[in-house]
Protein backbone atom coordinates (compact mmCIF):
# COMPACT_ATOMS: atom_id res chain seq x y z
CA MET A 1 53.71 337.80 39.86
CA ARG A 2 56.00 335.14 41.30
CA ILE A 3 59.56 337.45 41.48
CA ARG A 4 62.76 336.12 42.79
CA ALA A 5 64.41 336.79 45.83
CA SER A 6 67.03 338.29 44.17
CA VAL A 7 64.64 341.37 42.96
CA CYS A 8 64.32 341.84 46.72
CA PHE A 9 60.62 341.39 46.44
CA LEU A 10 58.42 339.77 48.13
CA LEU A 11 57.25 336.12 46.83
CA SER A 12 53.60 336.74 47.71
CA ILE A 13 51.58 338.99 50.38
CA THR A 14 48.87 337.34 52.14
CA SER A 15 47.14 340.74 53.33
CA VAL A 16 47.08 344.06 51.34
CA PRO A 17 48.47 346.86 53.96
CA VAL A 18 45.52 350.12 55.04
CA GLU A 19 46.08 352.13 52.25
CA ALA A 20 43.50 355.14 52.87
CA GLN A 21 44.10 357.63 55.69
CA LEU A 22 41.60 357.85 58.25
CA ARG A 23 40.12 361.06 59.58
CA THR A 24 37.32 362.05 61.84
CA GLN A 25 34.41 364.03 61.35
CA THR A 26 32.32 365.99 63.95
CA VAL A 27 28.88 364.97 64.41
CA VAL A 28 28.32 366.82 67.86
CA SER A 29 30.35 368.38 70.62
CA GLY A 30 29.78 370.51 73.68
CA LEU A 31 27.83 368.14 75.44
CA SER A 32 28.25 366.84 79.25
CA PRO A 33 30.85 364.43 79.72
CA LEU A 34 29.88 361.31 77.39
CA VAL A 35 29.88 357.68 78.02
CA ALA A 36 28.27 356.03 75.45
CA ALA A 37 26.33 356.67 72.20
CA ALA A 38 23.64 354.46 70.15
CA ALA A 39 22.36 355.07 66.45
CA ASP A 40 18.17 354.64 66.12
CA PRO A 41 17.60 351.27 64.43
CA VAL A 42 14.52 352.89 62.74
CA GLN A 43 14.78 356.90 62.34
CA PRO A 44 17.85 357.19 59.95
CA GLY A 45 20.23 360.21 60.93
CA VAL A 46 19.55 360.03 64.42
CA ILE A 47 22.15 359.17 67.14
CA TYR A 48 21.68 359.16 71.08
CA ALA A 49 24.63 360.99 73.14
CA VAL A 50 24.54 358.86 76.52
CA GLN A 51 25.34 361.32 78.94
CA GLN A 52 27.16 359.90 82.41
CA ASN A 53 25.06 362.62 84.79
CA GLY A 54 21.67 360.48 83.39
CA VAL A 55 20.60 362.13 80.31
CA VAL A 56 20.34 361.12 76.95
CA ARG A 57 20.44 363.54 74.28
CA THR A 58 18.94 363.41 70.96
CA VAL A 59 21.28 364.23 67.87
CA GLN A 60 19.34 364.38 64.74
CA GLY A 61 21.88 364.84 62.26
CA SER A 62 24.41 367.37 64.02
CA THR A 63 21.26 369.20 65.64
CA VAL A 64 21.25 368.54 69.81
CA LEU A 65 17.11 368.73 70.32
CA PRO A 66 15.74 370.44 73.20
CA THR A 67 14.61 367.92 74.72
CA PRO A 68 15.92 365.02 75.87
CA PHE A 69 15.25 361.34 74.88
CA LEU A 70 15.18 360.27 78.44
CA ASP A 71 16.32 361.76 81.81
CA VAL A 72 17.18 359.84 84.97
CA ARG A 73 19.00 362.31 86.72
CA THR A 74 16.72 362.08 89.81
CA ALA A 75 17.65 358.04 89.81
CA ILE A 76 21.24 357.91 89.97
CA ALA A 77 24.22 358.00 91.61
CA PHE A 78 26.78 360.04 89.53
CA GLY A 79 30.70 360.63 89.81
CA GLY A 80 33.72 358.29 89.26
CA GLU A 81 32.89 355.15 87.63
CA ARG A 82 28.70 355.76 88.64
CA GLY A 83 25.86 357.24 86.48
CA LEU A 84 24.43 356.07 83.58
CA LEU A 85 26.71 353.89 81.90
CA GLY A 86 24.79 352.12 78.73
CA MET A 87 21.86 352.05 76.20
CA ALA A 88 20.42 349.36 73.96
CA PHE A 89 17.72 349.12 71.54
CA ALA A 90 15.94 345.72 71.44
CA PRO A 91 16.20 344.24 67.79
CA ASP A 92 12.34 344.43 66.86
CA THR A 93 10.94 346.16 64.22
CA SER A 94 9.22 349.16 65.96
CA GLY A 95 12.39 349.93 67.92
CA GLY A 96 10.14 350.64 71.01
CA ARG A 97 12.12 349.07 73.64
CA VAL A 98 14.82 350.75 75.07
CA PHE A 99 16.98 349.22 77.84
CA VAL A 100 19.72 351.14 79.80
CA ASN A 101 22.54 350.31 82.74
CA PHE A 102 23.01 352.90 85.21
CA THR A 103 24.04 352.80 88.95
CA ASN A 104 20.82 354.01 91.32
CA THR A 105 21.30 356.57 94.44
CA ASN A 106 22.61 353.72 96.39
CA GLY A 107 25.50 352.85 93.96
CA ASP A 108 24.11 349.68 92.45
CA THR A 109 23.46 348.74 89.07
CA VAL A 110 20.29 348.56 87.29
CA VAL A 111 18.67 347.31 84.02
CA ALA A 112 15.89 349.17 83.21
CA ARG A 113 13.35 348.86 80.46
CA PHE A 114 11.76 351.87 78.63
CA ARG A 115 9.21 351.92 75.66
CA ARG A 116 9.53 355.09 73.59
CA SER A 117 6.44 357.62 73.40
CA GLU A 118 3.65 356.86 71.00
CA ALA A 119 3.23 360.44 70.33
CA ASN A 120 6.97 361.19 69.82
CA PRO A 121 9.27 358.51 69.05
CA LEU A 122 12.46 360.65 69.78
CA VAL A 123 11.35 360.63 73.38
CA VAL A 124 10.85 357.58 75.69
CA ASP A 125 7.74 357.51 77.87
CA PRO A 126 8.99 357.45 81.37
CA ALA A 127 5.92 356.25 82.98
CA SER A 128 7.08 352.98 80.48
CA ARG A 129 9.88 352.19 83.19
CA LEU A 130 10.09 348.56 84.48
CA ASP A 131 13.55 347.72 86.43
CA LEU A 132 14.42 344.19 85.79
CA ARG A 133 14.00 341.89 88.50
CA TRP A 134 17.11 339.62 89.23
CA PRO A 135 17.61 336.06 91.55
CA GLY A 136 17.09 337.15 94.93
CA GLY A 137 14.16 339.30 93.80
CA ASN A 138 16.28 342.70 94.10
CA ARG A 139 15.48 345.10 91.05
CA PHE A 140 19.72 345.94 91.43
CA ILE A 141 22.66 344.31 91.22
CA SER A 142 24.25 344.94 94.69
CA GLN A 143 27.89 346.37 94.13
CA PRO A 144 30.11 346.66 97.09
CA PHE A 145 32.49 349.48 95.82
CA SER A 146 31.77 352.44 93.47
CA ASN A 147 33.95 351.41 90.77
CA HIS A 148 34.09 348.50 88.07
CA ASN A 149 30.63 348.37 87.24
CA GLY A 150 30.80 348.12 83.73
CA GLY A 151 27.51 349.40 82.43
CA HIS A 152 27.67 348.40 78.94
CA LEU A 153 24.58 346.63 77.26
CA ALA A 154 24.14 344.89 73.78
CA PHE A 155 21.99 342.49 71.50
CA GLY A 156 23.33 339.51 70.25
CA SER A 157 22.26 338.57 66.62
CA ASP A 158 20.33 335.62 69.07
CA GLY A 159 18.25 338.60 69.97
CA TYR A 160 19.65 337.95 73.51
CA LEU A 161 20.57 340.84 75.64
CA TYR A 162 24.17 340.65 76.81
CA ILE A 163 24.98 342.58 79.96
CA GLY A 164 28.70 343.12 80.96
CA LEU A 165 29.33 343.58 84.80
CA GLY A 166 32.79 344.09 86.51
CA ASP A 167 33.65 342.45 89.25
CA GLY A 168 32.38 344.82 92.39
CA GLY A 169 35.21 346.97 92.10
CA SER A 170 38.15 347.89 94.67
CA GLY A 171 41.49 346.39 93.51
CA ASN A 172 42.45 342.83 92.65
CA ASP A 173 38.88 341.69 93.41
CA PRO A 174 39.32 341.27 96.86
CA ASN A 175 35.86 338.71 97.12
CA ASN A 176 37.10 336.81 94.27
CA ASN A 177 33.57 337.43 92.49
CA ALA A 178 34.68 337.13 88.58
CA GLN A 179 35.49 333.02 89.60
CA ASN A 180 32.92 332.92 92.24
CA PRO A 181 29.42 331.03 90.20
CA ASN A 182 27.03 332.66 92.99
CA THR A 183 26.89 336.15 91.86
CA LEU A 184 27.06 337.95 88.82
CA LEU A 185 29.51 339.90 89.32
CA GLY A 186 32.67 340.01 86.85
CA LYS A 187 30.23 338.18 84.78
CA MET A 188 29.04 338.58 81.02
CA LEU A 189 25.05 337.70 81.51
CA ARG A 190 22.73 336.57 78.85
CA ILE A 191 19.02 337.12 79.11
CA ASP A 192 15.80 336.86 76.80
CA VAL A 193 14.27 340.36 77.36
CA SER A 194 11.17 339.44 74.69
CA VAL A 195 8.64 339.14 77.54
CA ALA A 196 5.37 340.31 77.57
CA ASP A 197 5.00 344.11 78.94
CA GLY A 198 3.26 342.52 82.40
CA ASP A 199 6.09 340.18 82.95
CA ALA A 200 7.13 341.14 86.68
CA ALA A 201 10.98 340.05 86.36
CA GLY A 202 11.46 341.59 82.92
CA TYR A 203 12.93 338.81 81.43
CA ARG A 204 13.70 335.11 81.22
CA VAL A 205 16.81 332.57 81.23
CA PRO A 206 17.49 331.50 77.51
CA PRO A 207 17.28 327.85 78.09
CA ASP A 208 20.66 327.01 76.06
CA ASN A 209 22.56 329.42 78.26
CA PRO A 210 25.76 327.11 79.52
CA PHE A 211 25.66 327.06 83.40
CA LEU A 212 22.05 325.92 83.36
CA ARG A 213 22.98 322.56 82.18
CA GLY A 214 26.25 322.40 84.97
CA VAL A 215 28.35 322.53 82.07
CA PRO A 216 31.63 323.24 83.22
CA ILE A 217 30.00 323.71 86.70
CA ALA A 218 26.60 324.28 88.08
CA ALA A 219 26.32 328.33 88.43
CA LEU A 220 23.59 331.25 88.46
CA GLY A 221 21.78 330.73 85.00
CA GLU A 222 22.32 334.32 83.52
CA ILE A 223 25.99 333.78 83.13
CA TRP A 224 27.67 333.55 80.04
CA ALA A 225 30.70 333.70 80.85
CA PHE A 226 32.90 334.08 83.64
CA GLY A 227 36.28 336.04 84.41
CA LEU A 228 35.80 339.69 83.66
CA ARG A 229 37.13 342.50 85.42
CA ASN A 230 35.14 345.21 83.68
CA PRO A 231 34.22 344.83 80.83
CA TRP A 232 34.29 348.10 79.01
CA ARG A 233 32.38 347.91 75.50
CA TYR A 234 32.00 345.10 73.56
CA SER A 235 30.08 344.25 70.17
CA PHE A 236 29.04 341.44 68.32
CA ASP A 237 30.58 341.08 64.28
CA ASP A 238 26.98 341.72 62.82
CA PRO A 239 25.90 339.29 60.22
CA VAL A 240 23.09 341.41 58.85
CA LEU A 241 26.09 343.35 57.63
CA GLY A 242 28.15 340.20 56.57
CA GLY A 243 29.84 339.58 59.63
CA THR A 244 30.73 336.40 62.27
CA GLY A 245 28.58 336.90 64.94
CA ALA A 246 31.68 336.42 67.30
CA LEU A 247 31.81 338.70 70.40
CA PHE A 248 34.84 340.78 70.91
CA ILE A 249 35.49 342.10 74.73
CA GLY A 250 36.99 345.14 75.93
CA ASP A 251 38.29 344.27 79.67
CA VAL A 252 39.75 346.91 81.54
CA GLY A 253 42.94 345.53 83.67
CA GLN A 254 44.37 346.38 87.01
CA GLY A 255 47.69 347.48 87.00
CA ALA A 256 49.69 345.77 84.10
CA ARG A 257 47.64 344.39 80.78
CA GLU A 258 44.78 345.20 78.96
CA GLU A 259 42.96 343.04 76.78
CA ILE A 260 40.49 342.02 73.90
CA ASP A 261 38.63 338.70 74.48
CA TYR A 262 37.02 336.77 71.88
CA ALA A 263 34.27 334.45 71.31
CA PRO A 264 32.98 332.89 68.13
CA ASP A 265 29.43 333.26 67.39
CA GLY A 266 27.54 331.12 70.01
CA ALA A 267 30.05 330.27 72.63
CA GLY A 268 29.05 330.46 75.86
CA GLY A 269 30.82 328.91 79.15
CA ARG A 270 34.26 330.63 78.80
CA ASN A 271 36.53 331.64 81.55
CA TYR A 272 38.53 334.42 80.66
CA GLY A 273 40.38 334.65 83.88
CA TRP A 274 40.15 337.29 86.17
CA ARG A 275 41.23 337.40 88.99
CA VAL A 276 43.85 334.30 88.30
CA ARG A 277 45.22 336.20 84.97
CA GLU A 278 45.72 339.59 83.75
CA GLY A 279 46.06 339.61 79.95
CA THR A 280 48.25 336.56 79.19
CA ILE A 281 50.18 336.78 82.40
CA ALA A 282 49.58 335.59 86.36
CA THR A 283 48.09 338.94 87.86
CA PRO A 284 50.76 340.84 89.87
CA GLY A 285 49.97 340.77 93.95
CA VAL A 286 47.32 337.97 93.83
CA SER A 287 48.85 334.88 95.37
CA PRO A 288 48.00 331.69 93.06
CA ALA A 289 44.91 330.53 93.12
CA ALA A 290 42.69 327.77 91.11
CA PRO A 291 40.14 329.21 88.63
CA ALA A 292 36.25 328.39 89.09
CA PHE A 293 36.93 326.16 86.06
CA THR A 294 39.35 325.53 83.35
CA PRO A 295 40.37 325.98 80.37
CA LEU A 296 41.06 329.58 80.90
CA SER A 297 40.60 331.49 77.46
CA GLU A 298 43.82 333.68 76.37
CA PRO A 299 42.69 336.96 74.92
CA MET A 300 43.03 337.46 71.40
CA LEU A 301 45.80 340.49 72.05
CA ASP A 302 46.87 342.08 74.83
CA TYR A 303 49.34 345.13 75.66
CA ASP A 304 50.99 346.67 78.54
CA ARG A 305 51.25 350.18 79.97
CA SER A 306 53.20 351.32 77.67
CA SER A 307 50.46 351.58 75.13
CA GLY A 308 47.80 352.66 77.37
CA THR A 309 45.84 352.29 80.92
CA ALA A 310 42.20 351.75 80.13
CA VAL A 311 41.11 350.00 77.15
CA THR A 312 37.77 350.54 75.18
CA GLY A 313 36.61 347.92 73.30
CA GLY A 314 35.01 348.72 69.54
CA TYR A 315 33.87 347.01 66.08
CA VAL A 316 34.88 345.25 63.50
CA TYR A 317 34.22 347.29 60.88
CA ARG A 318 31.31 346.36 58.12
CA GLY A 319 30.48 349.68 56.33
CA ARG A 320 31.36 350.89 53.14
CA GLU A 321 33.05 354.62 53.75
CA LEU A 322 36.04 353.61 54.93
CA GLY A 323 36.92 351.42 51.56
CA ASN A 324 37.70 347.90 51.10
CA ASP A 325 41.01 347.98 53.28
CA TYR A 326 39.37 348.60 56.20
CA VAL A 327 35.93 345.49 55.80
CA GLY A 328 36.61 342.94 58.38
CA ARG A 329 39.22 344.94 60.91
CA TYR A 330 38.45 345.37 64.34
CA PHE A 331 39.00 348.62 65.97
CA PHE A 332 39.41 349.57 69.57
CA ALA A 333 40.82 352.22 71.79
CA ASP A 334 42.72 353.37 75.02
CA SER A 335 40.88 355.76 76.94
CA GLY A 336 43.72 356.25 79.04
CA SER A 337 46.24 356.95 76.33
CA GLY A 338 43.76 358.40 73.71
CA ARG A 339 45.51 356.08 71.28
CA LEU A 340 43.68 354.03 68.33
CA TRP A 341 44.02 350.84 66.56
CA SER A 342 42.60 348.39 64.03
CA VAL A 343 43.78 344.83 63.49
CA ALA A 344 43.06 341.97 61.19
CA TRP A 345 42.34 338.45 62.75
CA GLN A 346 41.73 335.12 61.41
CA PRO A 347 39.31 332.68 63.46
CA ASP A 348 40.33 329.14 64.19
CA ALA A 349 37.26 326.68 63.80
CA ASP A 350 39.28 324.18 65.49
CA THR A 351 40.38 325.96 68.41
CA GLY A 352 37.34 329.02 68.92
CA ARG A 353 40.16 331.36 69.14
CA ALA A 354 41.17 334.58 66.89
CA THR A 355 44.65 335.38 65.76
CA VAL A 356 45.90 339.25 65.15
CA THR A 357 47.10 339.05 61.82
CA SER A 358 47.84 342.80 61.53
CA ARG A 359 47.75 345.60 63.91
CA VAL A 360 47.94 349.12 62.38
CA GLU A 361 47.78 352.51 65.38
CA HIS A 362 45.51 355.23 63.55
CA THR A 363 46.34 357.68 66.51
CA ALA A 364 49.13 360.03 64.10
CA GLU A 365 46.21 360.34 61.11
CA VAL A 366 43.38 360.98 63.48
CA GLY A 367 45.20 362.93 66.25
CA ARG A 368 45.08 362.67 69.84
CA LEU A 369 41.42 363.16 70.38
CA GLY A 370 41.40 362.59 74.66
CA ALA A 371 39.61 360.06 76.32
CA ILE A 372 37.49 357.47 73.83
CA VAL A 373 35.19 355.85 76.13
CA SER A 374 33.09 354.11 73.40
CA PHE A 375 32.10 353.51 70.04
CA THR A 376 29.12 352.99 68.01
CA GLU A 377 28.06 351.82 64.57
CA ASP A 378 25.06 353.09 62.57
CA PRO A 379 23.00 350.37 60.56
CA SER A 380 25.02 350.45 57.52
CA GLY A 381 28.12 349.86 59.87
CA GLU A 382 29.98 353.08 59.64
CA LEU A 383 31.86 353.64 62.81
CA TYR A 384 31.71 356.38 65.15
CA LEU A 385 33.94 357.20 68.47
CA VAL A 386 32.44 358.61 71.70
CA ILE A 387 34.65 361.18 73.91
CA TYR A 388 34.43 361.54 77.28
CA ASP A 389 34.27 365.56 76.70
CA GLY A 390 31.38 365.52 75.05
CA ARG A 391 31.79 365.14 71.49
CA ILE A 392 30.80 362.33 69.01
CA LEU A 393 33.24 361.68 65.49
CA LYS A 394 32.38 359.93 62.56
CA LEU A 395 35.25 357.66 61.39
CA VAL A 396 36.06 358.79 57.26
CA VAL A 397 38.93 358.23 54.78
CA ASP A 398 40.49 361.20 53.03
CA ARG A 399 39.07 362.20 49.89
CA ARG A 400 41.80 363.82 48.47
CA ALA A 401 42.49 360.80 46.34
CA ILE A 402 45.47 361.05 43.95
CA ALA A 403 44.62 359.76 40.18
CA ALA A 404 44.82 356.54 39.15
CA PRO A 405 47.27 355.50 36.71
CA THR A 406 46.10 354.47 32.79
CA ASN A 407 46.94 352.45 29.78
CA VAL A 408 48.84 349.63 31.79
CA THR A 409 50.23 347.14 28.88
CA ALA A 410 52.45 344.05 29.83
CA ARG A 411 55.14 342.44 27.47
CA THR A 412 56.87 339.00 28.14
CA ASN A 413 60.32 337.99 26.94
CA GLY A 414 61.10 334.77 28.63
CA ARG A 415 60.85 335.04 32.16
CA THR A 416 60.61 338.45 32.11
CA VAL A 417 57.51 340.46 32.37
CA ALA A 418 57.80 344.64 31.64
CA LEU A 419 54.71 346.78 32.52
CA ALA A 420 54.21 350.20 31.24
CA TRP A 421 51.83 352.78 32.08
CA THR A 422 50.72 356.74 31.80
CA ALA A 423 51.98 358.50 34.66
CA ALA A 424 49.80 359.77 37.27
CA SER A 425 50.22 363.25 38.69
CA GLY A 426 51.42 363.60 42.22
CA ALA A 427 52.37 359.99 42.38
CA THR A 428 55.73 359.51 44.56
CA GLN A 429 55.95 355.76 43.68
CA TYR A 430 53.58 352.94 42.11
CA ARG A 431 52.37 349.83 43.64
CA ILE A 432 51.97 346.66 41.04
CA GLU A 433 49.28 344.07 42.54
CA ALA A 434 49.09 340.51 40.82
CA GLY A 435 46.66 338.30 41.45
CA SER A 436 45.53 334.80 40.56
CA ARG A 437 42.06 336.23 39.64
CA ALA A 438 40.47 339.23 38.56
CA GLY A 439 40.69 341.89 41.07
CA ALA A 440 42.80 339.62 43.73
CA SER A 441 46.46 340.69 44.86
CA ASP A 442 47.12 337.00 46.64
CA LEU A 443 50.52 336.48 44.61
CA ALA A 444 52.26 339.63 44.77
CA VAL A 445 52.32 343.55 46.24
CA VAL A 446 55.22 345.17 45.17
CA ASP A 447 55.93 348.98 45.50
CA THR A 448 58.20 350.09 43.34
CA GLY A 449 60.20 353.04 44.82
CA SER A 450 60.56 355.11 41.93
CA THR A 451 57.77 357.84 40.26
CA GLN A 452 58.88 356.33 36.81
CA ALA A 453 55.77 354.71 34.35
CA SER A 454 57.21 351.30 34.17
CA PHE A 455 58.47 348.00 35.96
CA THR A 456 60.27 344.54 34.75
CA ALA A 457 59.77 341.60 36.72
CA SER A 458 62.32 338.93 36.06
CA GLY A 459 62.48 335.06 37.20
CA VAL A 460 58.40 335.28 36.94
CA GLY A 461 57.26 331.56 37.27
CA ASP A 462 54.26 329.89 34.80
CA GLY A 463 50.71 330.69 35.84
CA VAL A 464 48.03 333.10 34.81
CA TYR A 465 48.28 336.69 36.51
CA TYR A 466 45.97 339.29 36.63
CA VAL A 467 48.18 342.85 37.02
CA ARG A 468 47.10 346.40 38.20
CA VAL A 469 48.78 349.11 39.35
CA ARG A 470 47.80 351.79 41.90
CA ALA A 471 49.74 355.44 42.47
CA LEU A 472 50.74 356.55 45.68
CA SER A 473 51.36 359.79 47.47
CA GLY A 474 52.71 359.04 50.23
CA VAL A 475 50.75 356.08 52.17
CA THR A 476 47.65 357.17 50.18
CA ALA A 477 46.90 354.91 46.88
CA SER A 478 44.71 355.91 44.34
CA GLU A 479 42.01 353.66 42.78
CA ALA A 480 43.44 350.60 40.65
CA SER A 481 44.30 351.15 36.70
CA ASN A 482 43.17 348.73 34.18
CA GLU A 483 43.61 345.24 34.74
CA VAL A 484 45.87 342.77 32.47
CA VAL A 485 46.46 339.52 32.41
CA VAL A 486 49.58 337.88 31.52
CA THR A 487 49.94 334.42 30.83
CA MET A 488 53.33 332.17 31.43
CA GLY A 489 54.02 329.22 30.21
CA ALA A 490 51.00 327.01 28.26
CA ALA A 491 47.55 329.27 28.20
CA PRO A 492 44.95 326.97 30.13
CA CYS A 493 41.81 328.17 27.99
CA THR A 494 41.15 329.37 24.00
CA SER A 495 38.74 331.58 24.49
CA PRO A 496 36.69 333.63 27.29
CA PRO A 497 33.99 331.79 28.93
CA ALA A 498 30.25 331.52 28.20
CA ALA A 499 28.27 333.94 29.91
CA PRO A 500 26.64 332.89 33.42
CA ALA A 501 22.98 332.41 32.80
CA GLY A 502 19.77 331.94 34.95
CA LEU A 503 20.54 334.86 37.55
CA SER A 504 17.85 334.74 40.24
CA ALA A 505 17.22 336.76 43.55
CA THR A 506 15.66 336.55 46.87
CA LEU A 507 14.68 339.04 49.89
CA THR A 508 14.69 339.05 53.11
CA GLY A 509 14.61 342.10 54.64
CA ARG A 510 17.77 344.04 53.20
CA LEU A 511 19.38 340.67 52.78
CA VAL A 512 19.80 339.85 49.15
CA SER A 513 20.48 336.20 47.79
CA LEU A 514 21.25 335.50 44.14
CA ASN A 515 21.93 332.26 42.30
CA TRP A 516 23.24 331.50 39.07
CA THR A 517 24.48 328.90 36.56
CA ALA A 518 28.06 328.89 34.87
CA SER A 519 30.55 326.26 32.65
CA GLY A 520 33.75 326.04 31.31
CA THR A 521 37.03 327.26 32.17
CA ILE A 522 36.42 329.71 34.77
CA THR A 523 39.05 331.48 36.93
CA SER A 524 36.62 333.97 38.67
CA ILE A 525 32.99 335.02 38.83
CA VAL A 526 32.81 338.74 38.83
CA LEU A 527 29.66 340.40 40.51
CA GLU A 528 28.66 343.79 39.21
CA ALA A 529 25.70 345.89 40.53
CA GLY A 530 24.81 349.47 39.23
CA SER A 531 22.42 352.45 40.04
CA THR A 532 21.54 352.11 36.47
CA PRO A 533 21.04 349.76 33.55
CA GLY A 534 24.60 348.47 32.91
CA ALA A 535 26.34 350.33 35.49
CA SER A 536 29.01 348.72 37.98
CA ASN A 537 29.00 351.85 39.97
CA VAL A 538 27.87 350.59 43.07
CA ALA A 539 29.62 347.62 43.61
CA VAL A 540 32.07 345.02 41.61
CA VAL A 541 32.93 341.82 43.87
CA VAL A 542 35.58 339.49 42.46
CA LEU A 543 34.23 335.68 43.84
CA ASP A 544 35.91 332.26 43.66
CA SER A 545 35.77 330.61 39.98
CA SER A 546 33.16 327.66 41.66
CA ALA A 547 30.87 330.68 43.40
CA ARG A 548 27.37 329.99 42.30
CA ALA A 549 25.50 331.80 44.82
CA MET A 550 26.37 334.93 47.26
CA SER A 551 24.42 336.61 50.16
CA SER A 552 24.73 340.29 50.81
CA SER A 553 22.90 342.91 53.10
CA ALA A 554 22.29 345.93 51.03
CA ALA A 555 21.37 349.19 51.84
CA SER A 556 17.62 350.65 50.50
CA GLY A 557 17.56 351.65 47.01
CA LEU A 558 17.18 349.92 43.59
CA TYR A 559 19.84 348.15 42.05
CA TYR A 560 20.49 346.69 38.40
CA VAL A 561 23.15 343.43 39.02
CA ARG A 562 24.62 340.74 36.66
CA VAL A 563 27.47 338.20 36.94
CA ARG A 564 30.42 337.28 34.08
CA ALA A 565 33.19 334.61 34.52
CA THR A 566 36.50 335.05 33.37
CA ASN A 567 39.52 333.32 32.54
CA ALA A 568 43.00 333.69 30.96
CA CYS A 569 41.48 334.39 27.76
CA GLY A 570 39.05 337.41 28.76
CA SER A 571 35.93 337.97 30.39
CA SER A 572 32.17 336.61 29.43
CA ALA A 573 29.39 338.84 28.79
CA GLY A 574 27.29 339.67 31.20
CA SER A 575 24.58 337.41 32.55
CA ASN A 576 20.93 338.65 32.45
CA GLU A 577 20.54 341.58 34.65
CA LEU A 578 18.17 341.95 37.56
CA ALA A 579 16.49 345.02 38.97
CA ILE A 580 16.32 344.48 42.78
CA THR A 581 14.86 346.92 44.80
CA VAL A 582 16.26 346.56 48.73
CA PRO A 583 13.17 348.21 50.75
């Protein structure tokens, strides 16, 4: 509802505050110091714990299997910032190829390929090892100092392997590696590893890598982006889970700023600014110098040392277990301070930048967990925290839900709307949500500040308002009540719309694509999915009135799906119902 400022409430809210309380659930503990983890893409419920000492442990459920997945202890230098630092599975249907990043016994970076054992997919075949061969012929990348090795590996939605390399170490990048086009250090690399097993190099340079064309400058072909100090964990917003494909990079600062860098899907050729710039400021203690090329890409966000000392990049949440409040929020942490945050962000297609629209700290909810050194994401989009002391924790929400209000009614008198409902036990106050369509809250979100089971709004403008109520207990919100439609001024309809027709579906792997037709005066389309015919216990998705198609990934299972059309006069009957089996 549009409410006059004299009653001290907001006219409209563009983003709903995060309501559910986050908690952590221990998956495993007691391992050797961890630096990363990776969910198995083909073995449900299996996570691999990457120990810095060179051993990858297989965690099945919450059980650590006695035989390691991988053991490269004899091949690595371990200590400080050296060791086994990252692992990623190639995005093929078999999940057979595995890539790891470690520092060898001389302290140089090696990216090695292995294959799973045919006899046991929960271990790799050590004889299958191939160290990738880099420009100049070496099967390692020389590291002049012991720190800033990067070490993370991740596959993009394009199927290419992205390798984040630090600037070579010491302080303030004394060799200016991050701006040097003739070294791989201080860069994000992008390579095609889908070559035959017999390929001597183990990769090819993708033909659309930006610097192959000399734009904006000539540089080594493997380079995707310049200007990184020590990229410690980066990820892609997974399109399979409904994401944008965007790249998010946590880049550890020198002594003043920590930063999260951003690039839209497919946007290579960027310069993130190190060592010319640290975060959004000129690097303290470094003489001004020209970067390799401009413009420099501003970070999506940065923070000073009052918040932390070593950023850990995370993921955009695209799962279901945390609830809709968290979908699309980017989670990140700081391993130095042990703090955890999430941000809502908004991409700008014109500038190629992303802007943070809200930032929430979750440290008080989950507690100080120690050094959060990495995140991982399972195939369903759920998030896990990797703690250096040997723990992997799953992010979950507090399940002690408060009951929702019931029997919401609305009475109008002139410009006044009086709402009433049946009280919910344990509520400390109530939240009123009003939207321009069913399920939306884009017109108003008002916390009443009272346990009274009624609310009156005056000065409400013309329009159609979809209104519901939630009970709050502290900051935890209940599910929504029943929804009432309030019409102020002339009603834009005389009857509910006709039911949509012709609902059809196509399947591409786990991606479900739906199409339908609908006509008449419509304010929203509602998609319903259930585990039994006629049910909507799996999903209720409210779409714009113009929507006639929708695509979404889904977990394996049988779903019964239908669509309805709504307007101010009510909801239509359901369309034809489809039974969809997702493999």
